PDB file of all heavy atoms in Angstrom:
ATOM      1  N   MET A   1      12.471   0.859   3.710  1.00  0.00           N
ATOM      2  CA  MET A   1      12.121   0.217   2.450  1.00  0.00           C
ATOM      3  C   MET A   1      10.791   0.748   1.928  1.00  0.00           C
ATOM      4  O   MET A   1       9.891   1.122   2.696  1.00  0.00           O
ATOM      5  CB  MET A   1      12.087  -1.302   2.592  1.00  0.00           C
ATOM      6  CG  MET A   1      10.903  -1.877   3.314  1.00  0.00           C
ATOM      7  SD  MET A   1       9.458  -2.159   2.249  1.00  0.00           S
ATOM      8  CE  MET A   1       8.280  -2.834   3.441  1.00  0.00           C
ATOM      9  N   ILE A   2      10.684   0.765   0.599  1.00  0.00           N
ATOM     10  CA  ILE A   2       9.437   1.096  -0.099  1.00  0.00           C
ATOM     11  C   ILE A   2       9.284   0.094  -1.241  1.00  0.00           C
ATOM     12  O   ILE A   2      10.233  -0.146  -1.991  1.00  0.00           O
ATOM     13  CB  ILE A   2       9.446   2.525  -0.672  1.00  0.00           C
ATOM     14  CG1 ILE A   2       9.543   3.564   0.451  1.00  0.00           C
ATOM     15  CG2 ILE A   2       8.177   2.780  -1.506  1.00  0.00           C
ATOM     16  CD1 ILE A   2       9.723   4.987  -0.058  1.00  0.00           C
ATOM     17  N   ARG A   3       8.097  -0.494  -1.378  1.00  0.00           N
ATOM     18  CA  ARG A   3       7.812  -1.411  -2.466  1.00  0.00           C
ATOM     19  C   ARG A   3       6.552  -0.921  -3.199  1.00  0.00           C
ATOM     20  O   ARG A   3       5.505  -0.720  -2.573  1.00  0.00           O
ATOM     21  CB  ARG A   3       7.588  -2.830  -1.945  1.00  0.00           C
ATOM     22  CG  ARG A   3       8.795  -3.438  -1.240  1.00  0.00           C
ATOM     23  CD  ARG A   3       9.916  -3.752  -2.205  1.00  0.00           C
ATOM     24  NE  ARG A   3      11.047  -4.364  -1.534  1.00  0.00           N
ATOM     25  CZ  ARG A   3      12.094  -3.680  -1.047  1.00  0.00           C
ATOM     26  NH1 ARG A   3      12.122  -2.355  -1.167  1.00  0.00           N
ATOM     27  NH2 ARG A   3      13.084  -4.298  -0.440  1.00  0.00           N
ATOM     28  N   VAL A   4       6.692  -0.769  -4.510  1.00  0.00           N
ATOM     29  CA  VAL A   4       5.568  -0.317  -5.334  1.00  0.00           C
ATOM     30  C   VAL A   4       5.308  -1.354  -6.423  1.00  0.00           C
ATOM     31  O   VAL A   4       6.241  -1.792  -7.107  1.00  0.00           O
ATOM     32  CB  VAL A   4       5.865   1.044  -5.986  1.00  0.00           C
ATOM     33  CG1 VAL A   4       4.664   1.504  -6.818  1.00  0.00           C
ATOM     34  CG2 VAL A   4       6.217   2.081  -4.932  1.00  0.00           C
ATOM     35  N   TYR A   5       4.053  -1.734  -6.560  1.00  0.00           N
ATOM     36  CA  TYR A   5       3.666  -2.681  -7.608  1.00  0.00           C
ATOM     37  C   TYR A   5       2.444  -2.129  -8.330  1.00  0.00           C
ATOM     38  O   TYR A   5       1.468  -1.718  -7.706  1.00  0.00           O
ATOM     39  CB  TYR A   5       3.343  -4.053  -7.011  1.00  0.00           C
ATOM     40  CG  TYR A   5       2.875  -5.060  -8.035  1.00  0.00           C
ATOM     41  CD1 TYR A   5       3.785  -5.678  -8.890  1.00  0.00           C
ATOM     42  CD2 TYR A   5       1.532  -5.387  -8.147  1.00  0.00           C
ATOM     43  CE1 TYR A   5       3.368  -6.599  -9.835  1.00  0.00           C
ATOM     44  CE2 TYR A   5       1.096  -6.313  -9.088  1.00  0.00           C
ATOM     45  CZ  TYR A   5       2.019  -6.918  -9.931  1.00  0.00           C
ATOM     46  OH  TYR A   5       1.594  -7.814 -10.875  1.00  0.00           O
ATOM     47  N   MET A   6       2.515  -2.136  -9.679  1.00  0.00           N
ATOM     48  CA  MET A   6       1.399  -1.651 -10.488  1.00  0.00           C
ATOM     49  C   MET A   6       1.222  -2.568 -11.690  1.00  0.00           C
ATOM     50  O   MET A   6       2.169  -2.791 -12.445  1.00  0.00           O
ATOM     51  CB  MET A   6       1.658  -0.215 -10.965  1.00  0.00           C
ATOM     52  CG  MET A   6       1.854   0.798  -9.857  1.00  0.00           C
ATOM     53  SD  MET A   6       2.367   2.424 -10.458  1.00  0.00           S
ATOM     54  CE  MET A   6       0.935   2.894 -11.428  1.00  0.00           C
ATOM     55  N   ASP A   7       0.013  -3.084 -11.861  1.00  0.00           N
ATOM     56  CA  ASP A   7      -0.271  -3.948 -13.012  1.00  0.00           C
ATOM     57  C   ASP A   7      -1.783  -4.122 -13.121  1.00  0.00           C
ATOM     58  O   ASP A   7      -2.533  -3.683 -12.239  1.00  0.00           O
ATOM     59  CB  ASP A   7       0.432  -5.295 -12.869  1.00  0.00           C
ATOM     60  CG  ASP A   7       0.668  -5.969 -14.226  1.00  0.00           C
ATOM     61  OD1 ASP A   7       0.061  -5.534 -15.223  1.00  0.00           O
ATOM     62  OD2 ASP A   7       1.461  -6.928 -14.279  1.00  0.00           O
ATOM     63  N   MET A   8      -2.207  -4.790 -14.173  1.00  0.00           N
ATOM     64  CA  MET A   8      -3.627  -4.995 -14.384  1.00  0.00           C
ATOM     65  C   MET A   8      -4.173  -6.072 -13.452  1.00  0.00           C
ATOM     66  O   MET A   8      -3.515  -7.090 -13.201  1.00  0.00           O
ATOM     67  CB  MET A   8      -3.888  -5.399 -15.835  1.00  0.00           C
ATOM     68  CG  MET A   8      -3.467  -4.358 -16.853  1.00  0.00           C
ATOM     69  SD  MET A   8      -4.268  -2.766 -16.557  1.00  0.00           S
ATOM     70  CE  MET A   8      -5.991  -3.188 -16.824  1.00  0.00           C
ATOM     71  N   LYS A   9      -5.349  -5.829 -12.949  1.00  0.00           N
ATOM     72  CA  LYS A   9      -6.105  -6.839 -12.208  1.00  0.00           C
ATOM     73  C   LYS A   9      -7.491  -6.840 -12.843  1.00  0.00           C
ATOM     74  O   LYS A   9      -8.340  -6.001 -12.523  1.00  0.00           O
ATOM     75  CB  LYS A   9      -6.170  -6.509 -10.718  1.00  0.00           C
ATOM     76  CG  LYS A   9      -6.918  -7.556  -9.907  1.00  0.00           C
ATOM     77  CD  LYS A   9      -6.802  -7.303  -8.421  1.00  0.00           C
ATOM     78  CE  LYS A   9      -5.454  -7.738  -7.867  1.00  0.00           C
ATOM     79  NZ  LYS A   9      -5.439  -7.724  -6.373  1.00  0.00           N
ATOM     80  N   GLY A  10      -7.693  -7.778 -13.758  1.00  0.00           N
ATOM     81  CA  GLY A  10      -8.909  -7.739 -14.552  1.00  0.00           C
ATOM     82  C   GLY A  10      -8.887  -6.508 -15.449  1.00  0.00           C
ATOM     83  O   GLY A  10      -7.870  -6.196 -16.069  1.00  0.00           O
ATOM     84  N   PRO A  11      -9.993  -5.757 -15.500  1.00  0.00           N
ATOM     85  CA  PRO A  11     -10.042  -4.565 -16.357  1.00  0.00           C
ATOM     86  C   PRO A  11      -9.526  -3.296 -15.670  1.00  0.00           C
ATOM     87  O   PRO A  11      -9.617  -2.205 -16.234  1.00  0.00           O
ATOM     88  CB  PRO A  11     -11.536  -4.436 -16.662  1.00  0.00           C
ATOM     89  CG  PRO A  11     -12.194  -4.945 -15.407  1.00  0.00           C
ATOM     90  CD  PRO A  11     -11.311  -6.068 -14.908  1.00  0.00           C
ATOM     91  N   GLN A  12      -8.997  -3.425 -14.462  1.00  0.00           N
ATOM     92  CA  GLN A  12      -8.582  -2.250 -13.695  1.00  0.00           C
ATOM     93  C   GLN A  12      -7.078  -2.270 -13.411  1.00  0.00           C
ATOM     94  O   GLN A  12      -6.452  -3.331 -13.374  1.00  0.00           O
ATOM     95  CB  GLN A  12      -9.351  -2.187 -12.379  1.00  0.00           C
ATOM     96  CG  GLN A  12     -10.862  -2.120 -12.547  1.00  0.00           C
ATOM     97  CD  GLN A  12     -11.567  -1.945 -11.216  1.00  0.00           C
ATOM     98  OE1 GLN A  12     -11.820  -0.841 -10.770  1.00  0.00           O
ATOM     99  NE2 GLN A  12     -11.888  -3.062 -10.582  1.00  0.00           N
ATOM    100  N   LEU A  13      -6.523  -1.072 -13.198  1.00  0.00           N
ATOM    101  CA  LEU A  13      -5.123  -0.959 -12.815  1.00  0.00           C
ATOM    102  C   LEU A  13      -5.022  -1.079 -11.298  1.00  0.00           C
ATOM    103  O   LEU A  13      -5.670  -0.353 -10.558  1.00  0.00           O
ATOM    104  CB  LEU A  13      -4.549   0.385 -13.256  1.00  0.00           C
ATOM    105  CG  LEU A  13      -3.071   0.618 -12.856  1.00  0.00           C
ATOM    106  CD1 LEU A  13      -2.152  -0.324 -13.628  1.00  0.00           C
ATOM    107  CD2 LEU A  13      -2.668   2.072 -13.091  1.00  0.00           C
ATOM    108  N   TYR A  14      -4.198  -2.020 -10.851  1.00  0.00           N
ATOM    109  CA  TYR A  14      -3.972  -2.242  -9.421  1.00  0.00           C
ATOM    110  C   TYR A  14      -2.680  -1.545  -9.003  1.00  0.00           C
ATOM    111  O   TYR A  14      -1.636  -1.705  -9.644  1.00  0.00           O
ATOM    112  CB  TYR A  14      -3.876  -3.738  -9.137  1.00  0.00           C
ATOM    113  CG  TYR A  14      -3.465  -4.087  -7.730  1.00  0.00           C
ATOM    114  CD1 TYR A  14      -4.330  -3.890  -6.658  1.00  0.00           C
ATOM    115  CD2 TYR A  14      -2.208  -4.630  -7.474  1.00  0.00           C
ATOM    116  CE1 TYR A  14      -3.957  -4.222  -5.367  1.00  0.00           C
ATOM    117  CE2 TYR A  14      -1.826  -4.974  -6.189  1.00  0.00           C
ATOM    118  CZ  TYR A  14      -2.697  -4.765  -5.140  1.00  0.00           C
ATOM    119  OH  TYR A  14      -2.321  -5.092  -3.857  1.00  0.00           O
ATOM    120  N   ILE A  15      -2.748  -0.742  -7.954  1.00  0.00           N
ATOM    121  CA  ILE A  15      -1.588  -0.018  -7.416  1.00  0.00           C
ATOM    122  C   ILE A  15      -1.411  -0.422  -5.960  1.00  0.00           C
ATOM    123  O   ILE A  15      -2.351  -0.338  -5.170  1.00  0.00           O
ATOM    124  CB  ILE A  15      -1.778   1.506  -7.497  1.00  0.00           C
ATOM    125  CG1 ILE A  15      -2.011   1.948  -8.943  1.00  0.00           C
ATOM    126  CG2 ILE A  15      -0.568   2.237  -6.906  1.00  0.00           C
ATOM    127  CD1 ILE A  15      -2.376   3.425  -9.073  1.00  0.00           C
ATOM    128  N   SER A  16      -0.202  -0.830  -5.607  1.00  0.00           N
ATOM    129  CA  SER A  16       0.098  -1.195  -4.217  1.00  0.00           C
ATOM    130  C   SER A  16       1.359  -0.476  -3.769  1.00  0.00           C
ATOM    131  O   SER A  16       2.398  -0.577  -4.424  1.00  0.00           O
ATOM    132  CB  SER A  16       0.285  -2.711  -4.084  1.00  0.00           C
ATOM    133  OG  SER A  16       0.752  -3.043  -2.782  1.00  0.00           O
ATOM    134  N   PHE A  17       1.259   0.268  -2.680  1.00  0.00           N
ATOM    135  CA  PHE A  17       2.391   0.944  -2.045  1.00  0.00           C
ATOM    136  C   PHE A  17       2.559   0.366  -0.647  1.00  0.00           C
ATOM    137  O   PHE A  17       1.635   0.437   0.164  1.00  0.00           O
ATOM    138  CB  PHE A  17       2.142   2.448  -1.919  1.00  0.00           C
ATOM    139  CG  PHE A  17       2.707   3.290  -3.022  1.00  0.00           C
ATOM    140  CD1 PHE A  17       2.094   3.312  -4.260  1.00  0.00           C
ATOM    141  CD2 PHE A  17       3.861   4.042  -2.843  1.00  0.00           C
ATOM    142  CE1 PHE A  17       2.599   4.083  -5.288  1.00  0.00           C
ATOM    143  CE2 PHE A  17       4.382   4.811  -3.864  1.00  0.00           C
ATOM    144  CZ  PHE A  17       3.754   4.839  -5.095  1.00  0.00           C
ATOM    145  N   THR A  18       3.721  -0.185  -0.362  1.00  0.00           N
ATOM    146  CA  THR A  18       4.029  -0.667   0.985  1.00  0.00           C
ATOM    147  C   THR A  18       5.327  -0.022   1.443  1.00  0.00           C
ATOM    148  O   THR A  18       6.307  -0.012   0.698  1.00  0.00           O
ATOM    149  CB  THR A  18       4.177  -2.196   1.022  1.00  0.00           C
ATOM    150  OG1 THR A  18       2.941  -2.795   0.626  1.00  0.00           O
ATOM    151  CG2 THR A  18       4.544  -2.674   2.433  1.00  0.00           C
ATOM    152  N   ASN A  19       5.311   0.517   2.636  1.00  0.00           N
ATOM    153  CA  ASN A  19       6.532   1.121   3.173  1.00  0.00           C
ATOM    154  C   ASN A  19       6.732   0.711   4.625  1.00  0.00           C
ATOM    155  O   ASN A  19       5.774   0.425   5.356  1.00  0.00           O
ATOM    156  CB  ASN A  19       6.484   2.643   3.082  1.00  0.00           C
ATOM    157  CG  ASN A  19       5.328   3.258   3.842  1.00  0.00           C
ATOM    158  OD1 ASN A  19       4.265   3.491   3.261  1.00  0.00           O
ATOM    159  ND2 ASN A  19       5.524   3.538   5.135  1.00  0.00           N
ATOM    160  N   ALA A  20       7.990   0.650   5.007  1.00  0.00           N
ATOM    161  CA  ALA A  20       8.309   0.416   6.413  1.00  0.00           C
ATOM    162  C   ALA A  20       7.847   1.633   7.209  1.00  0.00           C
ATOM    163  O   ALA A  20       7.816   2.760   6.704  1.00  0.00           O
ATOM    164  CB  ALA A  20       9.812   0.208   6.586  1.00  0.00           C
ATOM    165  N   ALA A  21       7.481   1.396   8.448  1.00  0.00           N
ATOM    166  CA  ALA A  21       6.983   2.472   9.308  1.00  0.00           C
ATOM    167  C   ALA A  21       7.367   2.162  10.749  1.00  0.00           C
ATOM    168  O   ALA A  21       7.644   1.007  11.086  1.00  0.00           O
ATOM    169  CB  ALA A  21       5.468   2.603   9.180  1.00  0.00           C
ATOM    170  N   PRO A  22       7.408   3.171  11.606  1.00  0.00           N
ATOM    171  CA  PRO A  22       7.707   2.925  13.015  1.00  0.00           C
ATOM    172  C   PRO A  22       6.769   1.877  13.599  1.00  0.00           C
ATOM    173  O   PRO A  22       5.601   1.784  13.209  1.00  0.00           O
ATOM    174  CB  PRO A  22       7.506   4.297  13.663  1.00  0.00           C
ATOM    175  CG  PRO A  22       7.766   5.268  12.556  1.00  0.00           C
ATOM    176  CD  PRO A  22       7.223   4.602  11.314  1.00  0.00           C
ATOM    177  N   ALA A  23       7.276   1.066  14.510  1.00  0.00           N
ATOM    178  CA  ALA A  23       6.491  -0.017  15.101  1.00  0.00           C
ATOM    179  C   ALA A  23       5.237   0.526  15.773  1.00  0.00           C
ATOM    180  O   ALA A  23       5.195   1.646  16.259  1.00  0.00           O
ATOM    181  CB  ALA A  23       7.343  -0.781  16.108  1.00  0.00           C
ATOM    182  N   GLY A  24       4.214  -0.304  15.766  1.00  0.00           N
ATOM    183  CA  GLY A  24       2.953   0.104  16.378  1.00  0.00           C
ATOM    184  C   GLY A  24       1.909   0.348  15.320  1.00  0.00           C
ATOM    185  O   GLY A  24       2.148   1.083  14.361  1.00  0.00           O
ATOM    186  N   LYS A  25       0.770  -0.285  15.444  1.00  0.00           N
ATOM    187  CA  LYS A  25      -0.301  -0.150  14.470  1.00  0.00           C
ATOM    188  C   LYS A  25      -0.973   1.202  14.600  1.00  0.00           C
ATOM    189  O   LYS A  25      -1.351   1.628  15.691  1.00  0.00           O
ATOM    190  CB  LYS A  25      -1.326  -1.267  14.679  1.00  0.00           C
ATOM    191  CG  LYS A  25      -2.390  -1.342  13.591  1.00  0.00           C
ATOM    192  CD  LYS A  25      -3.244  -2.588  13.759  1.00  0.00           C
ATOM    193  CE  LYS A  25      -4.283  -2.683  12.646  1.00  0.00           C
ATOM    194  NZ  LYS A  25      -5.078  -3.934  12.763  1.00  0.00           N
ATOM    195  N   ARG A  26      -1.087   1.926  13.461  1.00  0.00           N
ATOM    196  CA  ARG A  26      -1.743   3.237  13.483  1.00  0.00           C
ATOM    197  C   ARG A  26      -3.251   3.075  13.542  1.00  0.00           C
ATOM    198  O   ARG A  26      -3.821   2.129  13.004  1.00  0.00           O
ATOM    199  CB  ARG A  26      -1.349   4.032  12.231  1.00  0.00           C
ATOM    200  CG  ARG A  26       0.123   4.393  12.182  1.00  0.00           C
ATOM    201  CD  ARG A  26       0.513   4.965  10.833  1.00  0.00           C
ATOM    202  NE  ARG A  26      -0.232   6.180  10.534  1.00  0.00           N
ATOM    203  CZ  ARG A  26      -0.166   6.823   9.351  1.00  0.00           C
ATOM    204  NH1 ARG A  26       0.588   6.329   8.393  1.00  0.00           N
ATOM    205  NH2 ARG A  26      -0.844   7.919   9.148  1.00  0.00           N
ATOM    206  N   ARG A  27      -3.907   4.025  14.226  1.00  0.00           N
ATOM    207  CA  ARG A  27      -5.362   3.990  14.360  1.00  0.00           C
ATOM    208  C   ARG A  27      -5.989   5.109  13.551  1.00  0.00           C
ATOM    209  O   ARG A  27      -5.453   6.205  13.472  1.00  0.00           O
ATOM    210  CB  ARG A  27      -5.754   4.140  15.840  1.00  0.00           C
ATOM    211  CG  ARG A  27      -5.133   3.079  16.751  1.00  0.00           C
ATOM    212  CD  ARG A  27      -5.693   1.697  16.463  1.00  0.00           C
ATOM    213  NE  ARG A  27      -5.096   0.684  17.338  1.00  0.00           N
ATOM    214  CZ  ARG A  27      -5.366  -0.611  17.261  1.00  0.00           C
ATOM    215  NH1 ARG A  27      -6.228  -1.050  16.360  1.00  0.00           N
ATOM    216  NH2 ARG A  27      -4.778  -1.462  18.071  1.00  0.00           N
ATOM    217  N   LYS A  28      -7.152   4.812  12.970  1.00  0.00           N
ATOM    218  CA  LYS A  28      -7.851   5.818  12.182  1.00  0.00           C
ATOM    219  C   LYS A  28      -8.564   6.812  13.094  1.00  0.00           C
ATOM    220  O   LYS A  28      -9.020   6.479  14.182  1.00  0.00           O
ATOM    221  CB  LYS A  28      -8.877   5.162  11.260  1.00  0.00           C
ATOM    222  CG  LYS A  28      -8.262   4.360  10.117  1.00  0.00           C
ATOM    223  CD  LYS A  28      -9.341   3.811   9.202  1.00  0.00           C
ATOM    224  CE  LYS A  28      -8.741   3.042   8.047  1.00  0.00           C
ATOM    225  NZ  LYS A  28      -9.766   2.503   7.129  1.00  0.00           N
ATOM    226  N   LYS A  29      -8.662   8.041  12.612  1.00  0.00           N
ATOM    227  CA  LYS A  29      -9.434   9.082  13.276  1.00  0.00           C
ATOM    228  C   LYS A  29     -10.349   9.716  12.240  1.00  0.00           C
ATOM    229  O   LYS A  29      -9.885  10.249  11.248  1.00  0.00           O
ATOM    230  CB  LYS A  29      -8.510  10.141  13.891  1.00  0.00           C
ATOM    231  CG  LYS A  29      -7.658   9.628  15.051  1.00  0.00           C
ATOM    232  CD  LYS A  29      -6.811  10.737  15.647  1.00  0.00           C
ATOM    233  CE  LYS A  29      -5.959  10.221  16.807  1.00  0.00           C
ATOM    234  NZ  LYS A  29      -5.119  11.298  17.400  1.00  0.00           N
ATOM    235  N   GLY A  30     -11.645   9.662  12.479  1.00  0.00           N
ATOM    236  CA  GLY A  30     -12.584  10.225  11.523  1.00  0.00           C
ATOM    237  C   GLY A  30     -12.553   9.514  10.190  1.00  0.00           C
ATOM    238  O   GLY A  30     -12.796  10.101   9.145  1.00  0.00           O
TER     239      GLY A  30
END
């Protein structure tokens, strides 16, 4: 699944992308 939402939030454009991903929380590097 992929869900995309775009609309105004105050004076700015809000963009949200959510997608299904393999289980397990990803960790940041750098």
